[in-house]
Amino acid sequence: ARLRRDYRLRGSSLSVAGLATLWLHQALQEGRAQGRHGLSGRDLQALALRVAQQLQDLHLKSWKDDGDISEEEYVHAMLLLKAQDRAASQIYAPLKASLAKYPNMLLNLQNLFDRADSRGCAFLSRADVARMYRHRSWRLHPSCMDGRPLSDEELEDPEDLARQLVEAMDVDLDGMVSYSEFVAFCVGRRKKEVKLHLYDLSRGSGGQFKWLLGESMAQIWHTGVVAFDKEYFFSSDTIFDSPGKTSFGEPAQVRSLGYTFWNQDEL
């Protein structure tokens, strides 16, 4: 609601260039709030580049440099800036495709999110989500992919539904749901875990070559990245195989790299 008031106070006419200036100003304010005063030219250049990259991912309705931004696009842009999480860059393509079919979808999603954001902080807690289920304001199914809403009978345990939904949406594992994570889920994206497989090519005998490799090279590592039920690795070219079933044998270590909303076709 506050962002909509801000937009209307600007006379409902904000260009892409104006939004870039506004974003840069806000980023500078955030830097000062974090104690970073007197930013160098390099710092300013990095901020300007970040703003430019984020704006590039926001052309939802074929913006022109001298064209006006709609209210929902302004709210969308400012909420993404607030979130600053990995989901923000991953929702552009599916959201644009959804808007081509349902032009009012962005506004409807923002209204749903705004109703749940009782503190106005642009992040939802599990309690916020449980409240929406309890009041029958949300019927989002935590695991269904076909868009089927929850029935009244399925809404009997709002706390458990909230736990499931936050777990499904929370891609950066901070226990909260950002606006971009919420939108990603609503346009059909589901988080997938990404893992790193580490193989010791020396089979434990790397220590014998400390005289050649140095004290820090007790193992000779090869790595593979596991995503979408495939393991990708380099072997004269980037290829893939079944996870843990490559010619390198069993991985010596498996590390989680977090989660992604990208899908396999976008690799």
C-alpha atoms as a PDB file:
ATOM      1  CA  ALA A   1       0.000   0.000   0.000  1.00  0.00           C
ATOM      2  CA  ARG A   2       2.825   2.418   0.807  1.00  0.00           C
ATOM      3  CA  LEU A   3       4.481   1.819  -2.558  1.00  0.00           C
ATOM      4  CA  ARG A   4       1.214   2.506  -4.373  1.00  0.00           C
ATOM      5  CA  ARG A   5       0.869   5.789  -2.481  1.00  0.00           C
ATOM      6  CA  ASP A   6       4.446   6.688  -3.417  1.00  0.00           C
ATOM      7  CA  TYR A   7       3.705   6.005  -7.059  1.00  0.00           C
ATOM      8  CA  ARG A   8       0.560   8.142  -7.046  1.00  0.00           C
ATOM      9  CA  LEU A   9       2.370  10.992  -5.307  1.00  0.00           C
ATOM     10  CA  ARG A  10       4.712  11.055  -8.285  1.00  0.00           C
ATOM     11  CA  GLY A  11       1.758  11.905 -10.493  1.00  0.00           C
ATOM     12  CA  SER A  12       1.509   8.384 -11.965  1.00  0.00           C
ATOM     13  CA  SER A  13       4.248   9.208 -14.449  1.00  0.00           C
ATOM     14  CA  LEU A  14       7.578   7.525 -13.854  1.00  0.00           C
ATOM     15  CA  SER A  15       9.900   6.626 -16.705  1.00  0.00           C
ATOM     16  CA  VAL A  16      12.443   3.831 -16.828  1.00  0.00           C
ATOM     17  CA  ALA A  17      15.199   6.429 -16.483  1.00  0.00           C
ATOM     18  CA  GLY A  18      13.393   7.884 -13.477  1.00  0.00           C
ATOM     19  CA  LEU A  19      13.136   4.461 -11.867  1.00  0.00           C
ATOM     20  CA  ALA A  20      16.863   3.883 -12.432  1.00  0.00           C
ATOM     21  CA  THR A  21      17.641   7.176 -10.685  1.00  0.00           C
ATOM     22  CA  LEU A  22      15.289   6.269  -7.833  1.00  0.00           C
ATOM     23  CA  TRP A  23      16.854   2.830  -7.421  1.00  0.00           C
ATOM     24  CA  LEU A  24      20.365   4.264  -7.418  1.00  0.00           C
ATOM     25  CA  HIS A  25      19.367   6.841  -4.796  1.00  0.00           C
ATOM     26  CA  GLN A  26      17.830   4.121  -2.599  1.00  0.00           C
ATOM     27  CA  ALA A  27      20.898   1.900  -2.978  1.00  0.00           C
ATOM     28  CA  LEU A  28      23.080   4.815  -1.841  1.00  0.00           C
ATOM     29  CA  GLN A  29      20.828   5.368   1.162  1.00  0.00           C
ATOM     30  CA  GLU A  30      21.083   1.701   2.096  1.00  0.00           C
ATOM     31  CA  GLY A  31      24.874   1.940   1.832  1.00  0.00           C
ATOM     32  CA  ARG A  32      24.980   4.910   4.173  1.00  0.00           C
ATOM     33  CA  ALA A  33      22.642   3.140   6.616  1.00  0.00           C
ATOM     34  CA  GLN A  34      25.161   0.285   6.705  1.00  0.00           C
ATOM     35  CA  GLY A  35      27.998   2.692   7.465  1.00  0.00           C
ATOM     36  CA  ARG A  36      29.439   2.949   3.959  1.00  0.00           C
ATOM     37  CA  HIS A  37      29.969   6.698   3.652  1.00  0.00           C
ATOM     38  CA  GLY A  38      31.911   8.435   0.929  1.00  0.00           C
ATOM     39  CA  LEU A  39      31.537   5.757  -1.750  1.00  0.00           C
ATOM     40  CA  SER A  40      34.355   5.613  -4.277  1.00  0.00           C
ATOM     41  CA  GLY A  41      33.901   5.978  -8.007  1.00  0.00           C
ATOM     42  CA  ARG A  42      34.252   2.217  -8.346  1.00  0.00           C
ATOM     43  CA  ASP A  43      31.522   1.658  -5.732  1.00  0.00           C
ATOM     44  CA  LEU A  44      29.184   4.035  -7.552  1.00  0.00           C
ATOM     45  CA  GLN A  45      29.928   2.300 -10.842  1.00  0.00           C
ATOM     46  CA  ALA A  46      29.128  -1.104  -9.280  1.00  0.00           C
ATOM     47  CA  LEU A  47      25.825   0.229  -7.913  1.00  0.00           C
ATOM     48  CA  ALA A  48      24.877   1.716 -11.274  1.00  0.00           C
ATOM     49  CA  LEU A  49      25.688  -1.604 -12.983  1.00  0.00           C
ATOM     50  CA  ARG A  50      23.525  -3.515 -10.493  1.00  0.00           C
ATOM     51  CA  VAL A  51      20.619  -1.153 -11.129  1.00  0.00           C
ATOM     52  CA  ALA A  52      21.038  -1.506 -14.904  1.00  0.00           C
ATOM     53  CA  GLN A  53      21.106  -5.312 -14.669  1.00  0.00           C
ATOM     54  CA  GLN A  54      17.999  -5.396 -12.493  1.00  0.00           C
ATOM     55  CA  LEU A  55      16.128  -3.036 -14.790  1.00  0.00           C
ATOM     56  CA  GLN A  56      16.957  -5.283 -17.725  1.00  0.00           C
ATOM     57  CA  ASP A  57      15.035  -8.089 -16.009  1.00  0.00           C
ATOM     58  CA  LEU A  58      11.968  -5.910 -15.414  1.00  0.00           C
ATOM     59  CA  HIS A  59      10.781  -5.170 -18.941  1.00  0.00           C
ATOM     60  CA  LEU A  60       7.491  -6.928 -18.409  1.00  0.00           C
ATOM     61  CA  LYS A  61       5.433  -4.870 -20.846  1.00  0.00           C
ATOM     62  CA  SER A  62       7.965  -3.750 -23.445  1.00  0.00           C
ATOM     63  CA  TRP A  63       9.087  -0.592 -21.685  1.00  0.00           C
ATOM     64  CA  LYS A  64      10.612   2.160 -23.732  1.00  0.00           C
ATOM     65  CA  ASP A  65      13.291   4.419 -22.286  1.00  0.00           C
ATOM     66  CA  ASP A  66      10.955   7.415 -22.490  1.00  0.00           C
ATOM     67  CA  GLY A  67       7.753   5.502 -21.654  1.00  0.00           C
ATOM     68  CA  ASP A  68       5.877   5.515 -18.370  1.00  0.00           C
ATOM     69  CA  ILE A  69       5.928   2.595 -15.945  1.00  0.00           C
ATOM     70  CA  SER A  70       2.599   1.303 -14.696  1.00  0.00           C
ATOM     71  CA  GLU A  71       1.752   1.232 -11.009  1.00  0.00           C
ATOM     72  CA  GLU A  72       2.056  -2.537 -10.694  1.00  0.00           C
ATOM     73  CA  GLU A  73       5.404  -2.492 -12.497  1.00  0.00           C
ATOM     74  CA  TYR A  74       6.644   0.181 -10.096  1.00  0.00           C
ATOM     75  CA  VAL A  75       5.531  -1.879  -7.077  1.00  0.00           C
ATOM     76  CA  HIS A  76       7.110  -4.979  -8.633  1.00  0.00           C
ATOM     77  CA  ALA A  77      10.415  -3.191  -9.197  1.00  0.00           C
ATOM     78  CA  MET A  78      10.602  -1.732  -5.690  1.00  0.00           C
ATOM     79  CA  LEU A  79       9.712  -5.031  -4.008  1.00  0.00           C
ATOM     80  CA  LEU A  80      12.392  -6.844  -6.008  1.00  0.00           C
ATOM     81  CA  LEU A  81      14.911  -4.213  -4.965  1.00  0.00           C
ATOM     82  CA  LYS A  82      13.857  -4.735  -1.362  1.00  0.00           C
ATOM     83  CA  ALA A  83      14.238  -8.522  -1.583  1.00  0.00           C
ATOM     84  CA  GLN A  84      17.634  -8.610  -3.328  1.00  0.00           C
ATOM     85  CA  ASP A  85      17.638 -12.407  -3.351  1.00  0.00           C
ATOM     86  CA  ARG A  86      18.564 -15.016  -5.899  1.00  0.00           C
ATOM     87  CA  ALA A  87      14.944 -15.589  -6.903  1.00  0.00           C
ATOM     88  CA  ALA A  88      14.546 -12.085  -8.377  1.00  0.00           C
ATOM     89  CA  SER A  89      16.499 -12.788 -11.569  1.00  0.00           C
ATOM     90  CA  GLN A  90      14.821 -16.164 -12.034  1.00  0.00           C
ATOM     91  CA  ILE A  91      11.186 -15.045 -12.335  1.00  0.00           C
ATOM     92  CA  TYR A  92      11.385 -12.720 -15.338  1.00  0.00           C
ATOM     93  CA  ALA A  93      10.713 -15.281 -18.099  1.00  0.00           C
ATOM     94  CA  PRO A  94       7.893 -17.265 -16.419  1.00  0.00           C
ATOM     95  CA  LEU A  95       6.218 -14.086 -15.150  1.00  0.00           C
ATOM     96  CA  LYS A  96       6.307 -12.451 -18.569  1.00  0.00           C
ATOM     97  CA  ALA A  97       4.803 -15.599 -20.119  1.00  0.00           C
ATOM     98  CA  SER A  98       2.050 -15.645 -17.482  1.00  0.00           C
ATOM     99  CA  LEU A  99       1.259 -11.956 -18.041  1.00  0.00           C
ATOM    100  CA  ALA A 100       0.801 -12.610 -21.759  1.00  0.00           C
ATOM    101  CA  LYS A 101      -2.090 -14.929 -20.837  1.00  0.00           C
ATOM    102  CA  TYR A 102      -3.354 -13.150 -17.717  1.00  0.00           C
ATOM    103  CA  PRO A 103      -2.632  -9.391 -17.924  1.00  0.00           C
ATOM    104  CA  ASN A 104      -3.922  -8.716 -14.384  1.00  0.00           C
ATOM    105  CA  MET A 105      -1.877 -11.460 -12.772  1.00  0.00           C
ATOM    106  CA  LEU A 106       0.863  -9.164 -11.435  1.00  0.00           C
ATOM    107  CA  LEU A 107      -1.649  -6.880  -9.731  1.00  0.00           C
ATOM    108  CA  ASN A 108      -3.507  -9.857  -8.245  1.00  0.00           C
ATOM    109  CA  LEU A 109      -0.300 -11.392  -6.893  1.00  0.00           C
ATOM    110  CA  GLN A 110       0.738  -8.085  -5.349  1.00  0.00           C
ATOM    111  CA  ASN A 111      -2.638  -7.760  -3.630  1.00  0.00           C
ATOM    112  CA  LEU A 112      -2.326 -11.282  -2.208  1.00  0.00           C
ATOM    113  CA  PHE A 113       1.185 -10.578  -0.960  1.00  0.00           C
ATOM    114  CA  ASP A 114       0.249  -7.183   0.470  1.00  0.00           C
ATOM    115  CA  ARG A 115      -2.621  -8.654   2.473  1.00  0.00           C
ATOM    116  CA  ALA A 116      -0.269 -11.173   4.060  1.00  0.00           C
ATOM    117  CA  ASP A 117       2.532  -8.656   4.760  1.00  0.00           C
ATOM    118  CA  SER A 118       1.054  -7.373   8.043  1.00  0.00           C
ATOM    119  CA  ARG A 119       4.328  -5.654   9.073  1.00  0.00           C
ATOM    120  CA  GLY A 120       4.930  -3.969   5.734  1.00  0.00           C
ATOM    121  CA  CYS A 121       8.487  -5.301   5.559  1.00  0.00           C
ATOM    122  CA  ALA A 122       8.162  -7.034   2.151  1.00  0.00           C
ATOM    123  CA  PHE A 123       8.825 -10.447   3.737  1.00  0.00           C
ATOM    124  CA  LEU A 124       6.346 -13.026   5.013  1.00  0.00           C
ATOM    125  CA  SER A 125       6.865 -15.133   8.113  1.00  0.00           C
ATOM    126  CA  ARG A 126       5.309 -18.528   8.754  1.00  0.00           C
ATOM    127  CA  ALA A 127       2.847 -16.779  11.088  1.00  0.00           C
ATOM    128  CA  ASP A 128       1.788 -14.436   8.257  1.00  0.00           C
ATOM    129  CA  VAL A 129       1.145 -17.389   5.952  1.00  0.00           C
ATOM    130  CA  ALA A 130      -0.727 -19.334   8.663  1.00  0.00           C
ATOM    131  CA  ARG A 131      -2.965 -16.318   9.268  1.00  0.00           C
ATOM    132  CA  MET A 132      -3.881 -16.173   5.583  1.00  0.00           C
ATOM    133  CA  TYR A 133      -4.807 -19.869   5.605  1.00  0.00           C
ATOM    134  CA  ARG A 134      -6.718 -19.486   8.865  1.00  0.00           C
ATOM    135  CA  HIS A 135      -8.829 -16.648   7.444  1.00  0.00           C
ATOM    136  CA  ARG A 136      -9.362 -18.568   4.188  1.00  0.00           C
ATOM    137  CA  SER A 137      -7.679 -15.690   2.330  1.00  0.00           C
ATOM    138  CA  TRP A 138      -5.161 -18.014   0.673  1.00  0.00           C
ATOM    139  CA  ARG A 139      -5.874 -21.396  -0.870  1.00  0.00           C
ATOM    140  CA  LEU A 140      -2.415 -21.979  -2.347  1.00  0.00           C
ATOM    141  CA  HIS A 141      -1.592 -25.674  -2.457  1.00  0.00           C
ATOM    142  CA  PRO A 142       1.954 -26.275  -1.108  1.00  0.00           C
ATOM    143  CA  SER A 143       2.720 -29.179  -3.445  1.00  0.00           C
ATOM    144  CA  CYS A 144       0.164 -29.283  -6.264  1.00  0.00           C
ATOM    145  CA  MET A 145       1.500 -28.172  -9.665  1.00  0.00           C
ATOM    146  CA  ASP A 146      -1.797 -27.905 -11.551  1.00  0.00           C
ATOM    147  CA  GLY A 147      -3.040 -24.785  -9.764  1.00  0.00           C
ATOM    148  CA  ARG A 148      -5.766 -26.599  -7.865  1.00  0.00           C
ATOM    149  CA  PRO A 149      -6.808 -24.561  -4.789  1.00  0.00           C
ATOM    150  CA  LEU A 150      -7.137 -26.117  -1.362  1.00  0.00           C
ATOM    151  CA  SER A 151     -10.629 -27.185  -0.310  1.00  0.00           C
ATOM    152  CA  ASP A 152     -12.199 -26.183   3.013  1.00  0.00           C
ATOM    153  CA  GLU A 153     -11.393 -29.619   4.404  1.00  0.00           C
ATOM    154  CA  GLU A 154      -7.729 -29.256   3.435  1.00  0.00           C
ATOM    155  CA  LEU A 155      -7.527 -25.906   5.247  1.00  0.00           C
ATOM    156  CA  GLU A 156      -8.195 -27.474   8.635  1.00  0.00           C
ATOM    157  CA  ASP A 157      -4.529 -27.273   9.744  1.00  0.00           C
ATOM    158  CA  PRO A 158      -3.257 -23.780   8.775  1.00  0.00           C
ATOM    159  CA  GLU A 159      -0.043 -24.121  10.805  1.00  0.00           C
ATOM    160  CA  ASP A 160       1.071 -27.241   8.963  1.00  0.00           C
ATOM    161  CA  LEU A 161       0.077 -25.756   5.590  1.00  0.00           C
ATOM    162  CA  ALA A 162       2.114 -22.644   6.421  1.00  0.00           C
ATOM    163  CA  ARG A 163       5.122 -24.790   7.315  1.00  0.00           C
ATOM    164  CA  GLN A 164       4.864 -26.672   4.014  1.00  0.00           C
ATOM    165  CA  LEU A 165       4.359 -23.562   1.905  1.00  0.00           C
ATOM    166  CA  VAL A 166       7.219 -21.574   3.450  1.00  0.00           C
ATOM    167  CA  GLU A 167       9.490 -24.584   2.979  1.00  0.00           C
ATOM    168  CA  ALA A 168       8.418 -24.836  -0.686  1.00  0.00           C
ATOM    169  CA  MET A 169       8.889 -21.106  -1.385  1.00  0.00           C
ATOM    170  CA  ASP A 170      11.983 -20.315   0.690  1.00  0.00           C
ATOM    171  CA  VAL A 171      14.837 -20.706  -1.792  1.00  0.00           C
ATOM    172  CA  ASP A 172      17.534 -18.999   0.298  1.00  0.00           C
ATOM    173  CA  LEU A 173      16.590 -20.851   3.512  1.00  0.00           C
ATOM    174  CA  ASP A 174      16.214 -17.761   5.697  1.00  0.00           C
ATOM    175  CA  GLY A 175      12.865 -18.935   7.071  1.00  0.00           C
ATOM    176  CA  MET A 176      11.017 -16.069   5.358  1.00  0.00           C
ATOM    177  CA  VAL A 177       9.225 -15.653   2.031  1.00  0.00           C
ATOM    178  CA  SER A 178      10.288 -12.690  -0.072  1.00  0.00           C
ATOM    179  CA  TYR A 179       8.111 -11.128  -2.763  1.00  0.00           C
ATOM    180  CA  SER A 180      10.215 -12.696  -5.515  1.00  0.00           C
ATOM    181  CA  GLU A 181      10.012 -16.156  -3.915  1.00  0.00           C
ATOM    182  CA  PHE A 182       6.236 -15.756  -3.623  1.00  0.00           C
ATOM    183  CA  VAL A 183       5.873 -14.731  -7.282  1.00  0.00           C
ATOM    184  CA  ALA A 184       8.187 -17.527  -8.456  1.00  0.00           C
ATOM    185  CA  PHE A 185       6.023 -20.125  -6.721  1.00  0.00           C
ATOM    186  CA  CYS A 186       2.778 -18.628  -8.071  1.00  0.00           C
ATOM    187  CA  VAL A 187       4.006 -18.717 -11.692  1.00  0.00           C
ATOM    188  CA  GLY A 188       4.838 -22.401 -11.373  1.00  0.00           C
ATOM    189  CA  ARG A 189       8.474 -22.454 -10.335  1.00  0.00           C
ATOM    190  CA  ARG A 190       9.535 -24.997  -7.711  1.00  0.00           C
ATOM    191  CA  LYS A 191      12.890 -24.911  -6.013  1.00  0.00           C
ATOM    192  CA  LYS A 192      15.401 -27.624  -6.849  1.00  0.00           C
ATOM    193  CA  GLU A 193      18.453 -28.444  -4.772  1.00  0.00           C
ATOM    194  CA  VAL A 194      21.907 -28.045  -6.339  1.00  0.00           C
ATOM    195  CA  LYS A 195      24.751 -30.159  -4.977  1.00  0.00           C
ATOM    196  CA  LEU A 196      28.489 -30.358  -5.487  1.00  0.00           C
ATOM    197  CA  HIS A 197      30.120 -33.782  -5.778  1.00  0.00           C
ATOM    198  CA  LEU A 198      33.826 -33.878  -4.956  1.00  0.00           C
ATOM    199  CA  TYR A 199      36.012 -36.752  -6.156  1.00  0.00           C
ATOM    200  CA  ASP A 200      39.532 -37.411  -4.936  1.00  0.00           C
ATOM    201  CA  LEU A 201      41.309 -38.513  -8.100  1.00  0.00           C
ATOM    202  CA  SER A 202      44.310 -39.630  -6.036  1.00  0.00           C
ATOM    203  CA  ARG A 203      42.117 -42.159  -4.167  1.00  0.00           C
ATOM    204  CA  GLY A 204      43.673 -40.979  -0.892  1.00  0.00           C
ATOM    205  CA  SER A 205      47.277 -41.203  -2.068  1.00  0.00           C
ATOM    206  CA  GLY A 206      47.693 -37.497  -2.792  1.00  0.00           C
ATOM    207  CA  GLY A 207      49.654 -37.118   0.442  1.00  0.00           C
ATOM    208  CA  GLN A 208      52.518 -39.044  -1.130  1.00  0.00           C
ATOM    209  CA  PHE A 209      53.027 -36.149  -3.549  1.00  0.00           C
ATOM    210  CA  LYS A 210      53.237 -33.284  -1.036  1.00  0.00           C
ATOM    211  CA  TRP A 211      56.756 -32.668  -2.248  1.00  0.00           C
ATOM    212  CA  LEU A 212      55.247 -31.863  -5.652  1.00  0.00           C
ATOM    213  CA  LEU A 213      51.770 -30.514  -4.838  1.00  0.00           C
ATOM    214  CA  GLY A 214      52.434 -28.781  -1.524  1.00  0.00           C
ATOM    215  CA  GLU A 215      51.089 -29.317   1.985  1.00  0.00           C
ATOM    216  CA  SER A 216      47.579 -28.079   1.085  1.00  0.00           C
ATOM    217  CA  MET A 217      47.143 -30.631  -1.695  1.00  0.00           C
ATOM    218  CA  ALA A 218      46.621 -33.908   0.174  1.00  0.00           C
ATOM    219  CA  GLN A 219      43.892 -34.728  -2.377  1.00  0.00           C
ATOM    220  CA  ILE A 220      43.513 -34.106  -6.094  1.00  0.00           C
ATOM    221  CA  TRP A 221      39.945 -32.934  -6.554  1.00  0.00           C
ATOM    222  CA  HIS A 222      37.549 -33.236  -9.447  1.00  0.00           C
ATOM    223  CA  THR A 223      34.037 -31.824  -9.098  1.00  0.00           C
ATOM    224  CA  GLY A 224      30.598 -32.342 -10.580  1.00  0.00           C
ATOM    225  CA  VAL A 225      27.496 -30.200 -10.149  1.00  0.00           C
ATOM    226  CA  VAL A 226      24.232 -32.075  -9.553  1.00  0.00           C
ATOM    227  CA  ALA A 227      20.998 -30.426 -10.649  1.00  0.00           C
ATOM    228  CA  PHE A 228      17.713 -31.683 -12.107  1.00  0.00           C
ATOM    229  CA  ASP A 229      18.671 -35.330 -11.423  1.00  0.00           C
ATOM    230  CA  LYS A 230      21.800 -35.069 -13.571  1.00  0.00           C
ATOM    231  CA  GLU A 231      25.462 -34.579 -12.737  1.00  0.00           C
ATOM    232  CA  TYR A 232      27.307 -32.088 -14.929  1.00  0.00           C
ATOM    233  CA  PHE A 233      31.092 -32.156 -15.116  1.00  0.00           C
ATOM    234  CA  PHE A 234      33.975 -31.325 -17.415  1.00  0.00           C
ATOM    235  CA  SER A 235      35.786 -34.024 -19.349  1.00  0.00           C
ATOM    236  CA  SER A 236      37.292 -32.358 -22.446  1.00  0.00           C
ATOM    237  CA  ASP A 237      33.779 -30.866 -22.722  1.00  0.00           C
ATOM    238  CA  THR A 238      30.853 -30.261 -20.369  1.00  0.00           C
ATOM    239  CA  ILE A 239      28.866 -33.497 -20.205  1.00  0.00           C
ATOM    240  CA  PHE A 240      26.384 -35.094 -17.809  1.00  0.00           C
ATOM    241  CA  ASP A 241      25.640 -38.493 -16.316  1.00  0.00           C
ATOM    242  CA  SER A 242      23.530 -40.001 -13.543  1.00  0.00           C
ATOM    243  CA  PRO A 243      24.493 -38.484 -10.168  1.00  0.00           C
ATOM    244  CA  GLY A 244      27.200 -40.498  -8.413  1.00  0.00           C
ATOM    245  CA  LYS A 245      27.410 -42.944 -11.332  1.00  0.00           C
ATOM    246  CA  THR A 246      30.138 -41.262 -13.364  1.00  0.00           C
ATOM    247  CA  SER A 247      33.457 -42.860 -14.286  1.00  0.00           C
ATOM    248  CA  PHE A 248      34.998 -41.130 -11.263  1.00  0.00           C
ATOM    249  CA  GLY A 249      33.236 -43.523  -8.886  1.00  0.00           C
ATOM    250  CA  GLU A 250      31.574 -42.559  -5.626  1.00  0.00           C
ATOM    251  CA  PRO A 251      32.051 -38.947  -4.535  1.00  0.00           C
ATOM    252  CA  ALA A 252      34.298 -38.464  -1.529  1.00  0.00           C
ATOM    253  CA  GLN A 253      32.201 -35.507  -0.397  1.00  0.00           C
ATOM    254  CA  VAL A 254      28.736 -34.161  -1.201  1.00  0.00           C
ATOM    255  CA  ARG A 255      27.974 -30.508  -0.444  1.00  0.00           C
ATOM    256  CA  SER A 256      24.727 -28.626  -0.871  1.00  0.00           C
ATOM    257  CA  LEU A 257      25.025 -25.399  -2.878  1.00  0.00           C
ATOM    258  CA  GLY A 258      21.490 -24.298  -2.052  1.00  0.00           C
ATOM    259  CA  TYR A 259      18.400 -24.162  -4.237  1.00  0.00           C
ATOM    260  CA  THR A 260      17.397 -22.678  -7.568  1.00  0.00           C
ATOM    261  CA  PHE A 261      14.185 -21.698  -9.358  1.00  0.00           C
ATOM    262  CA  TRP A 262      15.793 -22.122 -12.791  1.00  0.00           C
ATOM    263  CA  ASN A 263      14.636 -25.144 -14.769  1.00  0.00           C
ATOM    264  CA  GLN A 264      16.681 -27.542 -16.849  1.00  0.00           C
ATOM    265  CA  ASP A 265      15.790 -25.928 -20.179  1.00  0.00           C
ATOM    266  CA  GLU A 266      17.382 -22.670 -19.000  1.00  0.00           C
ATOM    267  CA  LEU A 267      20.811 -24.188 -18.306  1.00  0.00           C
END
